[in-house]
N, C-alpha and C. Protein backbone atom coordinates (compact mmCIF):
# COMPACT_ATOMS: atom_id res chain seq x y z
N UNK A 1 1.19 -0.81 0.11
CA UNK A 1 0.00 0.35 -0.06
C UNK A 1 0.94 1.06 -0.19
N UNK A 2 0.36 2.32 -0.51
CA UNK A 2 1.14 3.11 -0.65
C UNK A 2 0.56 4.67 -0.43
N UNK A 3 0.95 5.24 -0.02
CA UNK A 3 0.70 7.07 0.51
C UNK A 3 2.30 8.15 -0.01
N UNK A 4 0.59 9.26 0.72
CA UNK A 4 1.55 10.62 0.43
C UNK A 4 2.78 10.70 1.06
N UNK A 5 3.32 11.20 0.59
CA UNK A 5 4.91 11.63 1.15
C UNK A 5 5.26 12.76 1.44
N UNK A 6 5.08 13.84 1.00
CA UNK A 6 5.40 15.58 1.54
C UNK A 6 6.93 15.17 1.36
N UNK A 7 7.75 16.02 0.38
CA UNK A 7 9.78 15.64 -0.15
C UNK A 7 9.62 17.35 -0.06
N UNK A 8 10.70 17.45 0.29
CA UNK A 8 11.37 18.59 0.21
C UNK A 8 12.15 18.50 -1.31
N UNK A 9 12.43 19.40 -2.10
CA UNK A 9 12.83 19.03 -3.24
C UNK A 9 14.10 20.23 -4.06
N UNK A 10 15.08 19.84 -3.64
CA UNK A 10 15.98 20.94 -4.66
C UNK A 10 15.93 21.37 -6.23
N UNK A 11 15.91 22.62 -6.86
CA UNK A 11 15.31 22.93 -7.95
C UNK A 11 15.71 23.44 -8.90
N UNK A 12 15.97 23.74 -10.41
CA UNK A 12 16.57 25.31 -11.22
C UNK A 12 15.22 25.46 -11.62
N UNK A 13 15.31 26.77 -12.10
CA UNK A 13 14.42 27.20 -13.54
C UNK A 13 14.97 27.81 -14.17
N UNK A 14 14.44 27.85 -15.69
CA UNK A 14 15.43 28.10 -16.81
C UNK A 14 14.67 29.37 -16.88
N UNK A 15 14.86 30.25 -18.21
CA UNK A 15 15.04 31.35 -18.59
C UNK A 15 13.62 31.79 -18.61
N UNK A 16 12.48 30.81 -19.13
CA UNK A 16 11.33 30.84 -19.28
C UNK A 16 10.26 30.77 -18.18
N UNK A 17 11.12 30.36 -16.59
CA UNK A 17 10.18 29.46 -15.46
C UNK A 17 9.85 28.44 -15.17
N UNK A 18 10.16 27.83 -16.26
CA UNK A 18 10.12 26.06 -15.75
C UNK A 18 10.51 25.51 -14.98
N UNK A 19 10.29 24.93 -14.31
CA UNK A 19 11.12 23.98 -13.44
C UNK A 19 11.87 22.82 -13.63
N UNK A 20 12.65 22.81 -12.89
CA UNK A 20 13.30 21.30 -13.41
C UNK A 20 13.81 20.53 -11.88
N UNK A 21 13.25 19.80 -11.40
CA UNK A 21 13.71 19.50 -10.45
C UNK A 21 15.23 18.45 -10.34
N UNK A 22 16.08 18.65 -9.22
CA UNK A 22 17.44 18.75 -9.43
C UNK A 22 17.43 17.26 -8.17
N UNK A 23 16.83 17.55 -7.57
CA UNK A 23 17.19 16.30 -6.40
C UNK A 23 16.58 16.13 -4.97
N UNK A 24 15.59 14.61 -5.02
CA UNK A 24 15.32 14.53 -3.88
C UNK A 24 15.58 14.77 -2.25
N UNK A 25 15.12 15.28 -1.35
CA UNK A 25 15.74 15.28 0.26
C UNK A 25 13.99 14.93 0.88
N UNK A 26 14.33 13.50 1.04
CA UNK A 26 13.93 12.71 2.01
C UNK A 26 13.61 13.20 3.61
N UNK A 27 12.16 12.68 4.31
CA UNK A 27 12.33 13.49 5.71
C UNK A 27 13.42 12.93 6.52
N UNK A 28 14.67 12.15 5.77
CA UNK A 28 15.31 11.58 7.37
C UNK A 28 16.47 12.12 7.05
N UNK A 29 16.61 13.24 6.12
CA UNK A 29 17.60 13.93 5.12
C UNK A 29 18.40 13.24 4.38
N UNK A 30 17.79 11.89 4.19
CA UNK A 30 19.05 11.22 2.83
C UNK A 30 18.87 12.10 1.76
N UNK A 31 19.38 12.74 0.87
CA UNK A 31 19.50 13.28 -0.63
C UNK A 31 19.26 12.33 -2.22
N UNK A 32 18.57 12.33 -2.17
CA UNK A 32 18.54 11.48 -4.04
C UNK A 32 18.67 12.71 -4.93
N UNK A 33 20.17 12.55 -5.91
CA UNK A 33 19.84 12.96 -7.22
C UNK A 33 19.27 12.48 -7.99
N UNK A 34 18.51 13.18 -9.42
CA UNK A 34 17.43 12.86 -10.34
C UNK A 34 18.51 12.66 -11.40
N UNK A 35 19.08 11.22 -11.99
CA UNK A 35 19.74 11.57 -12.60
C UNK A 35 19.20 11.78 -14.57
N UNK A 36 17.79 11.72 -14.23
CA UNK A 36 17.05 12.11 -15.44
C UNK A 36 15.27 12.16 -15.38
N UNK A 37 15.16 13.29 -15.45
CA UNK A 37 13.45 13.33 -16.35
C UNK A 37 13.20 12.52 -17.57
N UNK A 38 12.69 12.46 -17.20
CA UNK A 38 11.45 11.45 -18.70
C UNK A 38 11.14 11.69 -18.78
N UNK A 39 9.49 12.67 -18.08
CA UNK A 39 8.18 13.11 -18.62
C UNK A 39 8.08 13.78 -17.99
N UNK A 40 7.09 15.27 -18.45
CA UNK A 40 6.47 15.28 -17.64
C UNK A 40 4.76 15.82 -17.88
N UNK A 41 4.05 15.93 -17.56
CA UNK A 41 2.56 16.50 -17.80
C UNK A 41 2.38 16.54 -16.60
N UNK A 42 0.54 16.77 -17.19
CA UNK A 42 -0.29 16.61 -15.72
C UNK A 42 -1.08 15.45 -15.60
N UNK A 43 -0.97 15.22 -14.23
CA UNK A 43 -1.77 13.88 -14.78
C UNK A 43 -2.26 13.96 -12.86
N UNK A 44 -3.27 13.15 -12.04
CA UNK A 44 -3.63 12.92 -11.33
C UNK A 44 -2.21 11.11 -10.21
N UNK A 45 -2.69 11.40 -9.32
CA UNK A 45 -2.00 9.97 -8.53
C UNK A 45 -3.35 9.40 -8.02
N UNK A 46 -3.22 7.78 -8.61
CA UNK A 46 -4.04 6.98 -8.74
C UNK A 46 -4.07 6.29 -7.81
N UNK A 47 -2.55 6.22 -6.72
CA UNK A 47 -2.11 5.35 -5.86
C UNK A 47 -2.44 6.12 -4.25
N UNK A 48 -2.63 7.28 -4.59
CA UNK A 48 -2.73 8.21 -3.13
C UNK A 48 -3.26 9.46 -3.41
N UNK A 49 -3.87 9.54 -4.41
CA UNK A 49 -4.63 11.39 -4.26
C UNK A 49 -3.61 12.42 -4.72
N UNK A 50 -4.36 13.63 -5.07
CA UNK A 50 -3.82 14.36 -5.61
C UNK A 50 -3.62 14.90 -7.30
N UNK A 51 -3.13 15.49 -7.32
CA UNK A 51 -2.40 15.83 -8.94
C UNK A 51 -1.71 17.10 -9.14
N UNK A 52 -0.96 17.38 -10.21
CA UNK A 52 -0.81 18.66 -10.86
C UNK A 52 0.12 17.73 -11.63
N UNK A 53 1.41 18.42 -11.83
CA UNK A 53 2.34 18.48 -13.10
C UNK A 53 3.03 16.93 -12.30
N UNK A 54 3.13 15.87 -13.12
CA UNK A 54 3.97 14.50 -12.79
C UNK A 54 5.34 14.45 -13.72
N UNK A 55 5.75 14.94 -12.55
CA UNK A 55 7.44 14.09 -13.09
C UNK A 55 7.83 12.66 -13.10
N UNK A 56 8.44 12.06 -14.19
CA UNK A 56 8.63 10.87 -14.26
C UNK A 56 10.27 11.18 -14.49
N UNK A 57 10.51 10.12 -13.64
CA UNK A 57 12.08 10.24 -12.73
C UNK A 57 13.00 9.30 -12.73
N UNK A 58 14.12 9.64 -12.83
CA UNK A 58 14.98 7.97 -12.37
C UNK A 58 15.68 8.70 -11.48
N UNK A 59 16.03 7.60 -10.44
CA UNK A 59 17.11 8.30 -9.75
C UNK A 59 18.30 6.62 -9.54
N UNK A 60 19.04 6.47 -9.71
CA UNK A 60 19.53 5.33 -9.84
C UNK A 60 19.04 4.28 -11.02
N UNK A 61 19.15 3.66 -10.44
CA UNK A 61 18.33 2.67 -11.87
C UNK A 61 16.84 2.43 -11.39
N UNK A 62 16.22 3.48 -10.89
CA UNK A 62 14.94 2.99 -10.59
C UNK A 62 14.20 4.54 -11.00
N UNK A 63 12.69 3.78 -11.79
CA UNK A 63 12.35 4.68 -12.63
C UNK A 63 10.79 4.97 -10.74
N UNK A 64 10.06 6.38 -10.95
CA UNK A 64 9.34 7.05 -10.41
C UNK A 64 8.77 8.00 -10.80
N UNK A 65 8.00 8.37 -9.40
CA UNK A 65 7.04 9.63 -10.05
C UNK A 65 7.65 10.53 -9.17
N UNK A 66 7.18 11.60 -9.46
CA UNK A 66 7.73 12.70 -8.56
C UNK A 66 6.47 14.15 -8.51
N UNK A 67 5.98 14.77 -8.14
CA UNK A 67 4.47 15.40 -8.30
C UNK A 67 4.80 16.58 -7.78
N UNK A 68 4.41 17.67 -8.34
CA UNK A 68 4.44 18.88 -7.62
C UNK A 68 2.49 19.33 -7.72
N UNK A 69 2.21 19.70 -6.66
CA UNK A 69 1.01 20.20 -6.65
C UNK A 69 0.81 21.98 -6.58
N UNK A 70 -0.05 22.05 -7.72
CA UNK A 70 0.32 23.50 -7.97
C UNK A 70 -0.43 24.01 -6.67
N UNK A 71 -1.52 23.55 -6.13
CA UNK A 71 -3.05 24.10 -5.22
C UNK A 71 -1.66 24.09 -4.26
N UNK A 72 -1.88 23.65 -3.76
CA UNK A 72 -1.01 23.26 -2.22
C UNK A 72 0.75 23.70 -2.34
N UNK A 73 1.40 24.09 -3.95
CA UNK A 73 2.56 24.45 -4.43
C UNK A 73 3.58 23.52 -3.25
N UNK A 74 3.54 21.92 -3.10
CA UNK A 74 4.01 20.83 -2.66
C UNK A 74 4.34 19.87 -3.59
N UNK A 75 5.70 19.74 -2.98
CA UNK A 75 6.09 17.94 -3.57
C UNK A 75 6.15 16.63 -3.12
N UNK A 76 5.22 16.21 -4.18
CA UNK A 76 4.67 14.99 -2.98
C UNK A 76 5.29 13.49 -3.70
N UNK A 77 5.69 12.63 -3.44
CA UNK A 77 5.67 10.90 -4.16
C UNK A 77 5.02 9.74 -3.37
N UNK A 78 4.07 9.21 -4.56
CA UNK A 78 4.19 7.73 -4.14
C UNK A 78 4.93 6.58 -3.14
N UNK A 79 5.00 7.17 -1.63
CA UNK A 79 5.68 6.16 -0.61
C UNK A 79 5.22 5.01 -0.82
N UNK A 80 6.07 4.39 -1.01
CA UNK A 80 5.36 2.08 -0.74
C UNK A 80 5.70 2.29 0.97
């Protein structure tokens, strides 16, 4: 079962204002560098609820989703 976990994210902005997440800072202080952004689209989290921009990302050899809730201005992941 998954749950919504809010995380802090280090981001960069380009000259057009687009957001590029660089790393995820987990609640225990562990930092995970985002190796690659594979896709960005508006989508809902079907596992834990919520919606916004869904980033499909690669961290090391794992593919996962990172969500930016535009209404709450918070980042979250689907924690297992």
